[in-house]
Protein backbone atom coordinates (compact mmCIF):
# COMPACT_ATOMS: atom_id res chain seq x y z
CA ASP A 1 20.66 -16.31 22.70
CA LEU A 2 19.69 -14.77 19.35
CA SER A 3 20.81 -11.27 20.32
CA SER A 4 24.46 -12.29 19.91
CA PHE A 5 24.06 -12.81 16.14
CA ASP A 6 24.68 -10.04 13.61
CA TRP A 7 21.44 -10.32 11.63
CA HIS A 8 21.13 -9.03 8.09
CA VAL A 9 17.62 -10.18 7.31
CA LEU A 10 14.26 -8.50 6.83
CA ALA A 11 11.29 -9.53 8.94
CA GLY A 12 8.17 -10.20 6.89
CA ILE A 13 4.99 -8.27 7.62
CA GLN A 14 1.94 -10.15 6.34
CA GLY A 15 -1.78 -10.15 7.08
CA CYS A 16 -3.63 -9.40 3.84
CA GLY A 17 -5.92 -6.41 4.26
CA ASP A 18 -6.48 -7.10 7.95
CA VAL A 19 -4.90 -4.12 9.69
CA SER A 20 -5.03 -5.75 13.13
CA LEU A 21 -3.09 -8.79 11.87
CA ARG A 22 -0.56 -6.50 10.22
CA VAL A 23 -0.06 -4.50 13.41
CA LYS A 24 0.37 -7.73 15.36
CA ALA A 25 3.01 -8.83 12.85
CA CYS A 26 4.74 -5.45 13.23
CA GLN A 27 4.87 -5.82 17.00
CA ALA A 28 6.35 -9.32 16.78
CA ALA A 29 8.83 -8.37 14.05
CA SER A 30 9.94 -5.22 15.88
CA ALA A 31 11.05 -7.36 18.81
CA MET A 32 13.39 -9.37 16.59
CA PRO A 33 17.04 -8.50 15.91
CA VAL A 34 16.52 -7.73 12.20
CA SER A 35 17.91 -5.20 9.73
CA GLY A 36 14.54 -4.04 8.42
CA PHE A 37 11.07 -5.06 7.33
CA TRP A 38 9.56 -6.58 4.21
CA ILE A 39 5.92 -5.58 3.71
CA GLY A 40 4.43 -8.44 1.73
CA GLY A 41 1.12 -9.26 0.15
CA LEU A 42 0.45 -5.89 -1.48
CA GLY A 43 0.51 -4.72 -5.08
CA TYR A 44 -1.75 -7.32 -6.62
CA THR A 45 -5.50 -6.74 -6.61
CA GLU A 46 -6.15 -4.21 -3.84
CA ASP A 47 -7.12 -0.66 -4.73
CA LEU A 48 -5.06 2.36 -3.67
CA HIS A 49 -7.43 3.18 -0.80
CA SER A 50 -7.16 -0.32 0.69
CA ARG A 51 -3.39 -0.28 0.29
CA ALA A 52 -3.24 3.13 1.97
CA ARG A 53 -5.02 1.77 5.06
CA VAL A 54 -2.52 -1.07 5.34
CA LEU A 55 0.57 1.05 4.66
CA GLU A 56 -0.48 3.71 7.14
CA ALA A 57 -1.02 1.13 9.89
CA VAL A 58 2.13 -0.85 9.13
CA CYS A 59 4.51 2.06 8.69
CA SER A 60 3.28 3.78 11.84
CA ALA A 61 3.68 0.54 13.83
CA LEU A 62 7.28 -0.10 12.75
CA PRO A 63 10.33 1.59 14.27
CA LEU A 64 11.61 4.52 12.24
CA ARG A 65 15.26 3.52 12.66
CA LEU A 66 14.92 0.47 10.39
CA PRO A 67 14.09 0.47 6.66
CA ARG A 68 10.82 -0.78 5.18
CA PHE A 69 10.86 -2.64 1.86
CA LEU A 70 7.76 -2.99 -0.35
CA PRO A 71 7.73 -5.17 -3.45
CA LEU A 72 4.93 -4.14 -5.83
CA ASN A 73 3.60 -6.03 -8.82
CA SER A 74 3.84 -3.08 -11.21
CA GLY A 75 4.70 0.00 -9.20
CA SER A 76 3.24 2.85 -11.19
CA PRO A 77 4.44 6.36 -10.31
CA VAL A 78 1.28 6.91 -8.22
CA GLU A 79 1.86 3.66 -6.31
CA VAL A 80 5.48 4.59 -5.64
CA LEU A 81 4.54 8.06 -4.39
CA GLN A 82 1.85 6.60 -2.15
CA ALA A 83 4.28 4.14 -0.59
CA VAL A 84 6.94 6.80 0.00
CA LEU A 85 4.43 9.19 1.55
CA PHE A 86 3.40 6.50 4.04
CA GLY A 87 7.01 5.77 5.01
CA VAL A 88 8.31 3.02 2.73
CA ASP A 89 12.06 3.34 2.20
CA MET A 90 12.73 0.84 -0.59
CA LEU A 91 10.56 -0.49 -3.39
CA GLU A 92 10.85 -3.19 -6.00
CA VAL A 93 8.85 -2.27 -9.10
CA THR A 94 8.66 -3.35 -12.72
CA PHE A 95 6.98 -0.24 -14.14
CA PRO A 96 10.15 1.50 -15.45
CA THR A 97 11.30 -1.63 -17.30
CA GLU A 98 7.83 -2.27 -18.71
CA ALA A 99 7.49 1.34 -19.85
CA ALA A 100 10.91 1.28 -21.52
CA ALA A 101 10.16 -2.01 -23.26
CA ALA A 102 6.88 -0.58 -24.55
CA GLY A 103 8.63 2.59 -25.73
CA THR A 104 6.51 4.87 -23.56
């Protein structure tokens, strides 16, 4: 019985830009005894509009009581704001380090 374990893992939410696959992944992951959710496969080549569709669907399909983690390739200020507005709780971004290294 898996419910007797004290899980400290994030369930992965994948599905590319296919919102229906993402929602299906959210439903399956929400039934697991996990500590939160990792929203993968974003932050590479999709535009902000496409990412917004996915984030809106995913974040609304996940339980509010558990955190959502989004790793982004760069994570510009606009990308970070977009993610937070849709309900992402934690982000992994390289933008601040890249900006500091470039002296900007």
